[in-house]
Amino acid sequence: MNLWQRFTNWIARRRVTLASIVAGPLPAAKATEDAGWDLVRSGSGPADRPWAELREDLTDTLEAWRRNFIIRRIVTITTSYVVGSQGIGISSKRPAVERFTRRFWEHRENRLRSRLSSWCDEVTRSGDLFIAVSAPSEADGLAFVRAIPASCIQHVETDPSDYERELEYQETVPGQIEPKVWKSRHTAALDEPALLHFAFNRVVGATRGESDLTPVLPVAQRYTDWLKGRVRFNKLRAELAAVDIEIDDDSQIEAKRQQYKTTPPISGALFVHGRGERIKFPAANINAGDAAPDGHAQRMAISAGSNYPLHFFGEGSGANRATAKEMGGPTHSFLEMRQADFGEALIDLVDFVYRRAAEASHVRIPVNDDLRIDFSVPDVSEADNAALAKAARDIVAAFSEMRRYGWITDELAVGLCFKFFGEILSQEEIDEILDWAAEHDLIFEEEDEGEGDEDDPEEEGDEDEEDEEDEGED
């Protein structure tokens, strides 16, 4: 940041105009404000970092993503698993909300499915996702969304009594002294655009998130510098190679020197002398074998800092299929957590847009104020799907048998089955499943209590035969 940019930021933060500079110092009421406090911090939370430090990290991660192949690979892996080829789906069990969601999601000005990859990249690089939402359309209540780079949001203003309640955001605009102010969801009027903020890797007491790449960035940079050094050494070795030519006729030595000077066999040194013609290539020894452990140690550090084992980067490192599967467990858990956080952010976005449309009288809010919006994500690990399917079948069979013996109720069986599947159903959802099953005659009917007391036909026949025998004897 040059001197002029520092000065313009200083002017913008203090709301100082040219007229106020000419007129003299600010009034006493303004002088009591700590005008430099918000200049130092990137947010109003007690644990927020200084803006200069945060901006430097955001700039470094973006530059590394553009130039460093390891950083680009880490970001690509995260997006590939979190978003996947099919993307993240948002749906609602309420038909009206589902129709609105589809129109909002697939509108030509939004096309959110194509934006998810770049949004997930931004989350990995910066830890923050800022989505600008336009005012509801007068025609149908739809809104249009655009992402704002986290490196442009220099300050997040929050409620003095609650740092988690964000009020406004200040965006630096190139060529402008005054920052652009965005209203938050809590302060924006219906006819004003609003800026939604979703923070990832956020520490307690902070309003801003943290990048996934900040811990691994120094090691990745050192590793690329190390690789460049090895390439330079190999190139230097080739350039220092010498050709030693020996000929029998000493009178031809000078002619040979002139010949090879005009048409040299290599770009390195050239030696011509007598006693036969012989070419050899002396090479510098750079001890490449000794450097292998250094490179492996740096790659291990990158692996630990990025949450991805080495085989995610295409290096087996002596791991077989079994060990690679075990090593992928923590990574899959991390990716599933990121999927959940990213999916909840998308639900929050759709919920905000729908409620603004309802406020503009284009749609209606359900009576219980529950839009029933949910998200679906691709499987992080597809290798276990067959085993999970078999386990699910066994679980359903076991609970069905328990229900047959009367150990549990239909309601409890449905709840426990879906709990084992990783889906926690509400009581309303369980009731809907049981009602649908009852309508289609799929509920298990208990046997009548008197069913076991019915007389066996064979026994009745035996009794009749015994009666006839008794009558004959009489």
Protein backbone atom coordinates (compact mmCIF):
# COMPACT_ATOMS: atom_id res chain seq x y z
CA MET A 1 0.00 0.00 0.00
CA ASN A 2 1.57 3.31 -1.07
CA LEU A 3 1.48 6.60 0.77
CA TRP A 4 -1.45 7.98 -1.23
CA GLN A 5 -3.61 4.92 -0.49
CA ARG A 6 -2.82 5.20 3.20
CA PHE A 7 -3.83 8.84 3.16
CA THR A 8 -7.10 8.21 1.31
CA ASN A 9 -8.02 5.40 3.69
CA TRP A 10 -7.24 7.68 6.63
CA ILE A 11 -9.56 10.34 5.20
CA ALA A 12 -12.31 7.81 4.45
CA ARG A 13 -12.26 6.28 7.92
CA ARG A 14 -12.63 9.53 9.72
CA ARG A 15 -15.30 10.92 7.40
CA VAL A 16 -13.10 13.97 6.91
CA THR A 17 -14.02 16.22 4.00
CA LEU A 18 -12.08 19.03 2.44
CA ALA A 19 -14.48 21.54 3.97
CA SER A 20 -13.88 20.22 7.48
CA ILE A 21 -10.12 20.39 6.98
CA VAL A 22 -10.35 24.03 5.90
CA ALA A 23 -12.82 24.91 8.65
CA GLY A 24 -10.58 23.61 11.38
CA PRO A 25 -10.84 20.84 14.00
CA LEU A 26 -14.00 18.83 14.57
CA PRO A 27 -16.43 19.82 17.31
CA ALA A 28 -15.82 18.60 20.84
CA ALA A 29 -18.54 15.97 20.57
CA LYS A 30 -16.76 14.35 17.65
CA ALA A 31 -13.35 14.74 19.22
CA THR A 32 -14.33 12.43 22.05
CA GLU A 33 -14.83 9.56 19.60
CA ASP A 34 -11.99 7.13 19.16
CA ALA A 35 -12.03 7.56 15.39
CA GLY A 36 -8.91 5.48 14.89
CA TRP A 37 -10.25 2.40 16.67
CA ASP A 38 -12.34 1.14 13.78
CA LEU A 39 -9.43 1.91 11.45
CA VAL A 40 -7.25 -0.58 13.31
CA ARG A 41 -9.67 -3.49 13.41
CA SER A 42 -11.45 -5.34 10.59
CA GLY A 43 -14.54 -5.85 12.73
CA SER A 44 -16.19 -4.77 15.94
CA GLY A 45 -15.68 -8.05 17.75
CA PRO A 46 -13.22 -8.25 20.65
CA ALA A 47 -11.12 -10.90 18.89
CA ASP A 48 -11.04 -9.34 15.41
CA ARG A 49 -7.60 -8.85 13.88
CA PRO A 50 -6.24 -5.53 12.62
CA TRP A 51 -7.42 -4.76 9.10
CA ALA A 52 -3.88 -4.28 7.81
CA GLU A 53 -2.91 -7.75 9.00
CA LEU A 54 -6.08 -9.37 7.66
CA ARG A 55 -5.80 -7.63 4.30
CA GLU A 56 -2.20 -8.79 3.95
CA ASP A 57 -3.25 -12.40 4.54
CA LEU A 58 -6.13 -12.12 2.07
CA THR A 59 -3.85 -10.62 -0.56
CA ASP A 60 -1.20 -13.29 0.00
CA THR A 61 -3.66 -16.18 -0.25
CA LEU A 62 -5.20 -14.83 -3.45
CA GLU A 63 -1.78 -14.30 -5.02
CA ALA A 64 -0.69 -17.78 -3.94
CA TRP A 65 -3.85 -19.29 -5.43
CA ARG A 66 -3.01 -17.62 -8.73
CA ARG A 67 0.66 -18.64 -8.84
CA ASN A 68 1.29 -21.54 -6.45
CA PHE A 69 0.23 -24.94 -7.78
CA ILE A 70 -0.01 -26.49 -4.29
CA ILE A 71 -2.36 -23.80 -3.00
CA ARG A 72 -4.46 -24.09 -6.15
CA ARG A 73 -4.63 -27.85 -5.64
CA ILE A 74 -5.78 -27.52 -2.00
CA VAL A 75 -8.59 -25.15 -2.99
CA THR A 76 -9.61 -27.40 -5.89
CA ILE A 77 -9.78 -30.50 -3.69
CA THR A 78 -12.01 -28.76 -1.16
CA THR A 79 -14.40 -27.46 -3.79
CA SER A 80 -14.47 -30.81 -5.62
CA TYR A 81 -15.66 -32.62 -2.50
CA VAL A 82 -17.86 -29.94 -0.94
CA VAL A 83 -19.74 -28.91 -4.10
CA GLY A 84 -19.05 -31.87 -6.38
CA SER A 85 -20.05 -32.25 -10.01
CA GLN A 86 -23.79 -32.19 -9.21
CA GLY A 87 -23.63 -29.17 -6.90
CA ILE A 88 -25.52 -28.59 -3.65
CA GLY A 89 -29.28 -28.80 -3.89
CA ILE A 90 -31.72 -26.58 -1.97
CA SER A 91 -35.34 -27.67 -1.64
CA SER A 92 -38.39 -27.24 0.55
CA LYS A 93 -41.17 -29.62 1.52
CA ARG A 94 -43.67 -26.80 1.20
CA PRO A 95 -44.81 -26.55 -2.45
CA ALA A 96 -45.07 -22.76 -2.50
CA VAL A 97 -41.62 -22.30 -1.01
CA GLU A 98 -40.20 -24.94 -3.37
CA ARG A 99 -41.56 -23.16 -6.44
CA PHE A 100 -40.14 -19.83 -5.30
CA THR A 101 -36.78 -21.45 -4.51
CA ARG A 102 -36.56 -23.01 -7.98
CA ARG A 103 -37.32 -19.69 -9.70
CA PHE A 104 -34.80 -17.86 -7.54
CA TRP A 105 -32.13 -20.56 -7.91
CA GLU A 106 -32.43 -20.95 -11.69
CA HIS A 107 -33.09 -17.33 -12.69
CA ARG A 108 -30.83 -16.26 -15.56
CA GLU A 109 -29.41 -13.42 -13.45
CA ASN A 110 -28.56 -15.79 -10.61
CA ARG A 111 -27.80 -19.31 -11.93
CA LEU A 112 -26.64 -20.23 -8.45
CA ARG A 113 -25.50 -23.71 -9.38
CA SER A 114 -22.72 -22.26 -11.53
CA ARG A 115 -21.71 -19.85 -8.73
CA LEU A 116 -21.25 -22.42 -5.98
CA SER A 117 -17.74 -23.43 -7.05
CA SER A 118 -16.37 -19.88 -7.00
CA TRP A 119 -18.14 -19.21 -3.69
CA CYS A 120 -16.58 -22.31 -2.14
CA ASP A 121 -13.16 -21.22 -3.47
CA GLU A 122 -13.66 -17.84 -1.80
CA VAL A 123 -14.55 -19.51 1.49
CA THR A 124 -11.37 -21.62 1.40
CA ARG A 125 -9.17 -18.65 0.49
CA SER A 126 -10.60 -16.00 2.82
CA GLY A 127 -12.89 -17.68 5.38
CA ASP A 128 -15.63 -15.11 4.63
CA LEU A 129 -18.44 -15.06 2.10
CA PHE A 130 -20.19 -11.74 1.45
CA ILE A 131 -23.32 -11.99 -0.75
CA ALA A 132 -25.05 -8.81 -1.92
CA VAL A 133 -28.82 -9.30 -2.30
CA SER A 134 -30.84 -6.83 -4.33
CA ALA A 135 -34.20 -5.44 -3.28
CA PRO A 136 -37.18 -7.68 -4.15
CA SER A 137 -38.45 -7.30 -7.69
CA GLU A 138 -41.76 -5.48 -7.96
CA ALA A 139 -43.00 -8.09 -10.44
CA ASP A 140 -42.43 -11.36 -8.59
CA GLY A 141 -40.41 -10.60 -5.46
CA LEU A 142 -37.26 -12.32 -6.71
CA ALA A 143 -33.84 -10.93 -5.81
CA PHE A 144 -30.48 -11.09 -7.54
CA VAL A 145 -27.25 -12.00 -5.78
CA ARG A 146 -23.60 -11.07 -6.31
CA ALA A 147 -20.53 -12.03 -4.29
CA ILE A 148 -18.25 -9.31 -2.91
CA PRO A 149 -14.56 -10.24 -2.34
CA ALA A 150 -13.68 -10.45 1.33
CA SER A 151 -10.54 -8.39 0.66
CA CYS A 152 -12.77 -5.43 -0.25
CA ILE A 153 -14.76 -5.40 3.02
CA GLN A 154 -12.50 -3.43 5.32
CA HIS A 155 -14.79 -3.12 8.32
CA VAL A 156 -17.82 -4.86 9.83
CA GLU A 157 -19.84 -2.67 12.17
CA THR A 158 -21.85 -4.49 14.83
CA ASP A 159 -24.24 -3.68 17.62
CA PRO A 160 -22.24 -2.26 20.57
CA SER A 161 -24.06 -4.59 22.94
CA ASP A 162 -23.90 -7.67 20.67
CA TYR A 163 -20.93 -8.21 18.36
CA GLU A 164 -22.75 -11.02 16.54
CA ARG A 165 -25.50 -8.66 15.37
CA GLU A 166 -23.95 -7.03 12.31
CA LEU A 167 -25.31 -3.65 11.24
CA GLU A 168 -23.31 -2.46 8.23
CA TYR A 169 -20.25 -3.20 6.10
CA GLN A 170 -17.75 -0.82 4.54
CA GLU A 171 -16.35 -1.73 1.14
CA THR A 172 -13.30 -0.11 -0.41
CA VAL A 173 -13.94 0.97 -3.99
CA PRO A 174 -11.00 1.73 -6.29
CA GLY A 175 -10.87 5.40 -7.21
CA GLN A 176 -13.13 6.50 -4.38
CA ILE A 177 -12.12 8.07 -1.09
CA GLU A 178 -15.33 7.31 0.77
CA PRO A 179 -16.04 3.61 1.29
CA LYS A 180 -19.28 2.13 0.04
CA VAL A 181 -21.62 1.28 2.93
CA TRP A 182 -23.79 -1.82 2.77
CA LYS A 183 -26.71 -2.37 5.12
CA SER A 184 -27.04 -5.73 6.83
CA ARG A 185 -30.11 -7.94 7.03
CA HIS A 186 -31.03 -6.23 10.30
CA THR A 187 -30.86 -2.64 9.03
CA ALA A 188 -31.64 -2.71 5.29
CA ALA A 189 -35.04 -1.38 4.26
CA LEU A 190 -37.20 -3.40 1.90
CA ASP A 191 -36.31 -1.21 -1.09
CA GLU A 192 -32.58 -1.32 -0.31
CA PRO A 193 -30.00 -3.98 -1.15
CA ALA A 194 -28.56 -5.93 1.75
CA LEU A 195 -25.25 -7.66 2.30
CA LEU A 196 -25.22 -11.11 3.91
CA HIS A 197 -22.08 -12.26 5.69
CA PHE A 198 -21.18 -15.91 6.33
CA ALA A 199 -18.02 -16.52 8.35
CA PHE A 200 -16.09 -19.82 8.39
CA ASN A 201 -13.32 -20.84 10.80
CA ARG A 202 -14.44 -17.99 13.06
CA VAL A 203 -12.99 -17.82 16.55
CA VAL A 204 -15.13 -16.86 19.51
CA GLY A 205 -15.30 -13.09 19.83
CA ALA A 206 -14.59 -12.32 16.17
CA THR A 207 -16.88 -11.21 13.36
CA ARG A 208 -14.56 -12.26 10.53
CA GLY A 209 -13.61 -15.77 9.49
CA GLU A 210 -10.14 -17.23 8.88
CA SER A 211 -8.70 -18.72 5.73
CA ASP A 212 -7.93 -22.44 5.44
CA LEU A 213 -4.68 -21.53 3.68
CA THR A 214 -3.08 -19.19 6.22
CA PRO A 215 -1.28 -21.95 8.23
CA VAL A 216 0.02 -23.80 5.17
CA LEU A 217 0.91 -20.79 3.03
CA PRO A 218 4.51 -20.26 4.34
CA VAL A 219 5.39 -23.96 3.98
CA ALA A 220 3.92 -24.14 0.47
CA GLN A 221 5.92 -21.08 -0.55
CA ARG A 222 9.14 -22.54 0.85
CA TYR A 223 8.50 -25.82 -0.93
CA THR A 224 8.01 -24.13 -4.31
CA ASP A 225 11.17 -22.08 -3.72
CA TRP A 226 13.00 -25.31 -2.87
CA LEU A 227 11.78 -26.91 -6.10
CA LYS A 228 12.92 -23.89 -8.09
CA GLY A 229 16.33 -24.20 -6.49
CA ARG A 230 16.59 -27.86 -7.47
CA VAL A 231 15.65 -27.02 -11.04
CA ARG A 232 18.27 -24.28 -11.13
CA PHE A 233 20.91 -26.70 -9.86
CA ASN A 234 20.09 -29.22 -12.58
CA LYS A 235 20.14 -26.53 -15.23
CA LEU A 236 23.47 -25.28 -13.91
CA ARG A 237 24.86 -28.78 -14.03
CA ALA A 238 23.93 -29.06 -17.70
CA GLU A 239 25.41 -25.66 -18.45
CA LEU A 240 28.68 -26.53 -16.68
CA ALA A 241 29.10 -29.77 -18.63
CA ALA A 242 32.40 -29.85 -20.58
CA VAL A 243 33.34 -31.68 -23.77
CA ASP A 244 36.82 -33.13 -23.83
CA ILE A 245 37.98 -33.86 -27.41
CA GLU A 246 41.31 -35.64 -28.01
CA ILE A 247 42.81 -35.98 -31.56
CA ASP A 248 45.96 -37.74 -32.84
CA ASP A 249 47.32 -35.03 -35.13
CA ASP A 250 48.53 -32.12 -33.05
CA SER A 251 48.58 -29.89 -36.10
CA GLN A 252 44.79 -30.16 -36.32
CA ILE A 253 44.14 -29.00 -32.74
CA GLU A 254 43.75 -25.32 -33.59
CA ALA A 255 41.54 -26.13 -36.61
CA LYS A 256 39.33 -28.29 -34.41
CA ARG A 257 39.09 -25.52 -31.86
CA GLN A 258 37.91 -23.10 -34.49
CA GLN A 259 35.47 -25.68 -35.87
CA TYR A 260 33.82 -26.37 -32.53
CA LYS A 261 33.85 -22.71 -31.64
CA THR A 262 31.52 -21.96 -34.58
CA THR A 263 29.46 -25.17 -34.18
CA PRO A 264 29.76 -26.20 -30.52
CA PRO A 265 28.14 -29.55 -29.52
CA ILE A 266 26.94 -28.04 -26.21
CA SER A 267 26.69 -24.64 -24.60
CA GLY A 268 29.21 -25.47 -21.89
CA ALA A 269 32.99 -25.52 -21.85
CA LEU A 270 34.98 -27.10 -24.72
CA PHE A 271 38.49 -28.58 -24.52
CA VAL A 272 40.41 -29.77 -27.59
CA HIS A 273 43.78 -31.53 -27.38
CA GLY A 274 45.69 -34.35 -29.06
CA ARG A 275 45.98 -38.15 -28.76
CA GLY A 276 42.81 -39.30 -30.45
CA GLU A 277 39.26 -37.91 -30.56
CA ARG A 278 37.18 -38.65 -27.51
CA ILE A 279 34.07 -36.91 -26.15
CA LYS A 280 33.01 -37.11 -22.54
CA PHE A 281 30.61 -35.09 -20.39
CA PRO A 282 31.87 -34.34 -16.89
CA ALA A 283 28.88 -33.37 -14.68
CA ALA A 284 28.56 -31.51 -11.40
CA ASN A 285 27.34 -33.61 -8.47
CA ILE A 286 24.42 -31.90 -6.68
CA ASN A 287 23.63 -34.81 -4.31
CA ALA A 288 20.01 -35.15 -5.39
CA GLY A 289 19.49 -38.19 -3.17
CA ASP A 290 20.30 -36.19 -0.06
CA ALA A 291 17.55 -33.69 -0.91
CA ALA A 292 14.73 -36.28 -1.05
CA PRO A 293 14.08 -36.34 2.73
CA ASP A 294 13.91 -32.54 2.79
CA GLY A 295 11.27 -32.49 0.08
CA HIS A 296 9.26 -35.25 1.77
CA ALA A 297 9.34 -33.42 5.12
CA GLN A 298 8.00 -30.25 3.51
CA ARG A 299 5.25 -32.17 1.73
CA MET A 300 4.26 -33.77 5.02
CA ALA A 301 4.00 -30.32 6.60
CA ILE A 302 1.78 -29.17 3.73
CA SER A 303 -0.36 -32.28 4.18
CA ALA A 304 -0.81 -31.64 7.90
CA GLY A 305 -1.63 -27.96 7.41
CA SER A 306 -4.15 -28.54 4.62
CA ASN A 307 -6.07 -31.46 6.27
CA TYR A 308 -5.33 -33.66 3.24
CA PRO A 309 -3.09 -36.77 3.26
CA LEU A 310 -0.36 -37.06 0.64
CA HIS A 311 -2.37 -39.49 -1.47
CA PHE A 312 -4.90 -36.70 -2.06
CA PHE A 313 -2.07 -34.93 -3.89
CA GLY A 314 -1.28 -38.00 -5.99
CA GLU A 315 1.59 -39.29 -3.82
CA GLY A 316 1.19 -42.71 -2.23
CA SER A 317 4.17 -42.27 0.10
CA GLY A 318 4.27 -46.00 0.83
CA ALA A 319 0.60 -46.19 1.87
CA ASN A 320 -1.53 -49.12 0.71
CA ARG A 321 -5.28 -49.15 0.17
CA ALA A 322 -6.10 -50.04 3.79
CA THR A 323 -3.91 -47.34 5.35
CA ALA A 324 -5.09 -44.76 2.81
CA LYS A 325 -8.69 -45.53 3.78
CA GLU A 326 -7.94 -45.04 7.47
CA MET A 327 -5.99 -41.85 6.78
CA GLY A 328 -8.95 -40.42 4.89
CA GLY A 329 -11.28 -40.55 7.90
CA PRO A 330 -10.36 -37.17 9.46
CA THR A 331 -10.31 -35.55 6.03
CA HIS A 332 -13.79 -36.83 5.21
CA SER A 333 -15.06 -35.53 8.56
CA PHE A 334 -13.59 -32.10 7.81
CA LEU A 335 -15.21 -32.06 4.36
CA GLU A 336 -18.58 -33.13 5.75
CA MET A 337 -18.43 -30.31 8.31
CA ARG A 338 -17.63 -27.83 5.55
CA GLN A 339 -20.54 -29.18 3.51
CA ALA A 340 -22.87 -28.67 6.47
CA ASP A 341 -21.67 -25.10 7.06
CA PHE A 342 -21.87 -24.22 3.37
CA GLY A 343 -25.32 -25.79 3.04
CA GLU A 344 -26.62 -23.87 6.07
CA ALA A 345 -25.33 -20.65 4.51
CA LEU A 346 -27.29 -21.37 1.33
CA ILE A 347 -30.42 -22.14 3.36
CA ASP A 348 -29.99 -18.82 5.16
CA LEU A 349 -29.67 -17.04 1.81
CA VAL A 350 -32.87 -18.58 0.39
CA ASP A 351 -34.73 -17.98 3.66
CA PHE A 352 -33.76 -14.28 3.63
CA VAL A 353 -34.81 -13.80 0.01
CA TYR A 354 -38.15 -15.56 0.57
CA ARG A 355 -39.00 -13.54 3.68
CA ARG A 356 -38.19 -10.30 1.89
CA ALA A 357 -40.51 -11.38 -0.93
CA ALA A 358 -43.20 -12.14 1.67
CA GLU A 359 -42.70 -8.71 3.18
CA ALA A 360 -43.33 -7.29 -0.29
CA SER A 361 -46.59 -9.32 -0.43
CA HIS A 362 -45.53 -11.62 -3.26
CA VAL A 363 -45.56 -14.83 -1.20
CA ARG A 364 -46.91 -15.90 2.18
CA ILE A 365 -45.14 -17.13 5.29
CA PRO A 366 -46.49 -20.45 6.67
CA VAL A 367 -48.52 -20.32 9.84
CA ASN A 368 -45.83 -21.95 11.97
CA ASP A 369 -43.12 -19.72 10.39
CA ASP A 370 -41.19 -22.79 9.23
CA LEU A 371 -40.21 -22.75 5.54
CA ARG A 372 -38.86 -26.32 5.85
CA ILE A 373 -35.88 -25.61 3.60
CA ASP A 374 -33.20 -28.27 3.45
CA PHE A 375 -30.04 -28.96 1.44
CA SER A 376 -28.59 -32.04 -0.20
CA VAL A 377 -24.87 -32.57 -0.78
CA PRO A 378 -22.83 -35.17 -2.70
CA ASP A 379 -21.27 -38.06 -0.82
CA VAL A 380 -17.76 -37.30 0.35
CA SER A 381 -16.78 -40.97 0.26
CA GLU A 382 -18.57 -43.19 -2.25
CA ALA A 383 -16.51 -46.26 -1.38
CA ASP A 384 -18.64 -47.08 1.67
CA ASN A 385 -22.02 -46.74 -0.03
CA ALA A 386 -22.42 -50.49 -0.59
CA ALA A 387 -21.56 -51.28 3.03
CA LEU A 388 -23.92 -48.54 4.26
CA ALA A 389 -26.73 -49.86 2.07
CA LYS A 390 -26.30 -53.36 3.47
CA ALA A 391 -26.21 -52.03 7.03
CA ALA A 392 -29.37 -50.00 6.40
CA ARG A 393 -31.17 -53.08 5.10
CA ASP A 394 -30.14 -55.09 8.16
CA ILE A 395 -31.26 -52.29 10.50
CA VAL A 396 -34.69 -52.06 8.87
CA ALA A 397 -35.10 -55.83 9.07
CA ALA A 398 -34.12 -55.86 12.74
CA PHE A 399 -36.53 -53.09 13.70
CA SER A 400 -39.31 -54.72 11.67
CA GLU A 401 -38.83 -57.92 13.63
CA MET A 402 -38.87 -56.02 16.90
CA ARG A 403 -42.10 -54.31 15.84
CA ARG A 404 -43.64 -57.68 14.94
CA TYR A 405 -43.01 -58.95 18.46
CA GLY A 406 -44.46 -55.76 19.91
CA TRP A 407 -41.22 -54.58 21.54
CA ILE A 408 -41.41 -51.14 19.89
CA THR A 409 -44.07 -49.02 18.21
CA ASP A 410 -44.23 -47.95 14.56
CA GLU A 411 -43.37 -44.39 15.57
CA LEU A 412 -40.29 -45.47 17.51
CA ALA A 413 -39.16 -47.82 14.72
CA VAL A 414 -39.27 -45.05 12.11
CA GLY A 415 -37.41 -42.62 14.36
CA LEU A 416 -34.67 -45.12 15.25
CA CYS A 417 -34.17 -46.24 11.63
CA PHE A 418 -33.66 -42.72 10.34
CA LYS A 419 -31.44 -41.92 13.32
CA PHE A 420 -29.13 -44.78 12.30
CA PHE A 421 -29.19 -43.43 8.75
CA GLY A 422 -27.87 -40.10 10.02
CA GLU A 423 -31.17 -38.23 9.53
CA ILE A 424 -32.98 -36.88 12.58
CA LEU A 425 -36.69 -36.54 11.80
CA SER A 426 -39.10 -34.24 13.59
CA GLN A 427 -42.31 -35.59 15.08
CA GLU A 428 -44.27 -33.99 12.25
CA GLU A 429 -42.18 -35.79 9.62
CA ILE A 430 -42.59 -39.13 11.41
CA ASP A 431 -46.36 -38.63 11.54
CA GLU A 432 -46.43 -37.89 7.81
CA ILE A 433 -44.57 -41.13 7.07
CA LEU A 434 -46.92 -43.19 9.22
CA ASP A 435 -50.02 -41.52 7.76
CA TRP A 436 -48.85 -42.22 4.22
CA ALA A 437 -48.09 -45.84 5.10
CA ALA A 438 -51.54 -46.23 6.69
CA GLU A 439 -53.25 -44.83 3.60
CA HIS A 440 -51.47 -47.41 1.44
CA ASP A 441 -52.11 -50.31 3.87
CA LEU A 442 -48.42 -50.71 4.64
CA ILE A 443 -48.72 -50.65 8.43
CA PHE A 444 -48.19 -54.03 10.07
CA GLU A 445 -51.47 -55.30 11.50
CA GLU A 446 -51.29 -57.12 14.81
CA GLU A 447 -52.90 -60.51 15.08
CA ASP A 448 -56.21 -60.75 16.93
CA GLU A 449 -55.89 -61.88 20.50
CA GLY A 450 -58.50 -64.60 20.02
CA GLU A 451 -56.81 -65.95 16.93
CA GLY A 452 -54.82 -68.48 18.92
CA ASP A 453 -57.99 -69.77 20.66
CA GLU A 454 -59.72 -70.95 17.50
CA ASP A 455 -60.47 -74.68 17.51
CA ASP A 456 -58.34 -76.83 15.28
CA PRO A 457 -60.47 -78.70 12.67
CA GLU A 458 -58.47 -81.85 13.19
CA GLU A 459 -59.12 -81.70 16.92
CA GLU A 460 -62.84 -81.19 16.29
CA GLY A 461 -62.88 -84.19 14.02
CA ASP A 462 -61.14 -86.27 16.65
CA GLU A 463 -63.68 -85.21 19.24
CA ASP A 464 -66.57 -86.16 16.94
CA GLU A 465 -65.06 -89.59 16.32
CA GLU A 466 -64.67 -90.09 20.06
CA ASP A 467 -68.33 -89.14 20.61
CA GLU A 468 -69.46 -91.62 17.94
CA GLU A 469 -67.42 -94.37 19.55
CA ASP A 470 -68.96 -93.61 22.92
CA GLU A 471 -72.47 -93.76 21.44
CA GLY A 472 -71.72 -97.13 19.84
CA GLU A 473 -70.52 -98.58 23.11
CA ASP A 474 -73.66 -97.38 24.80
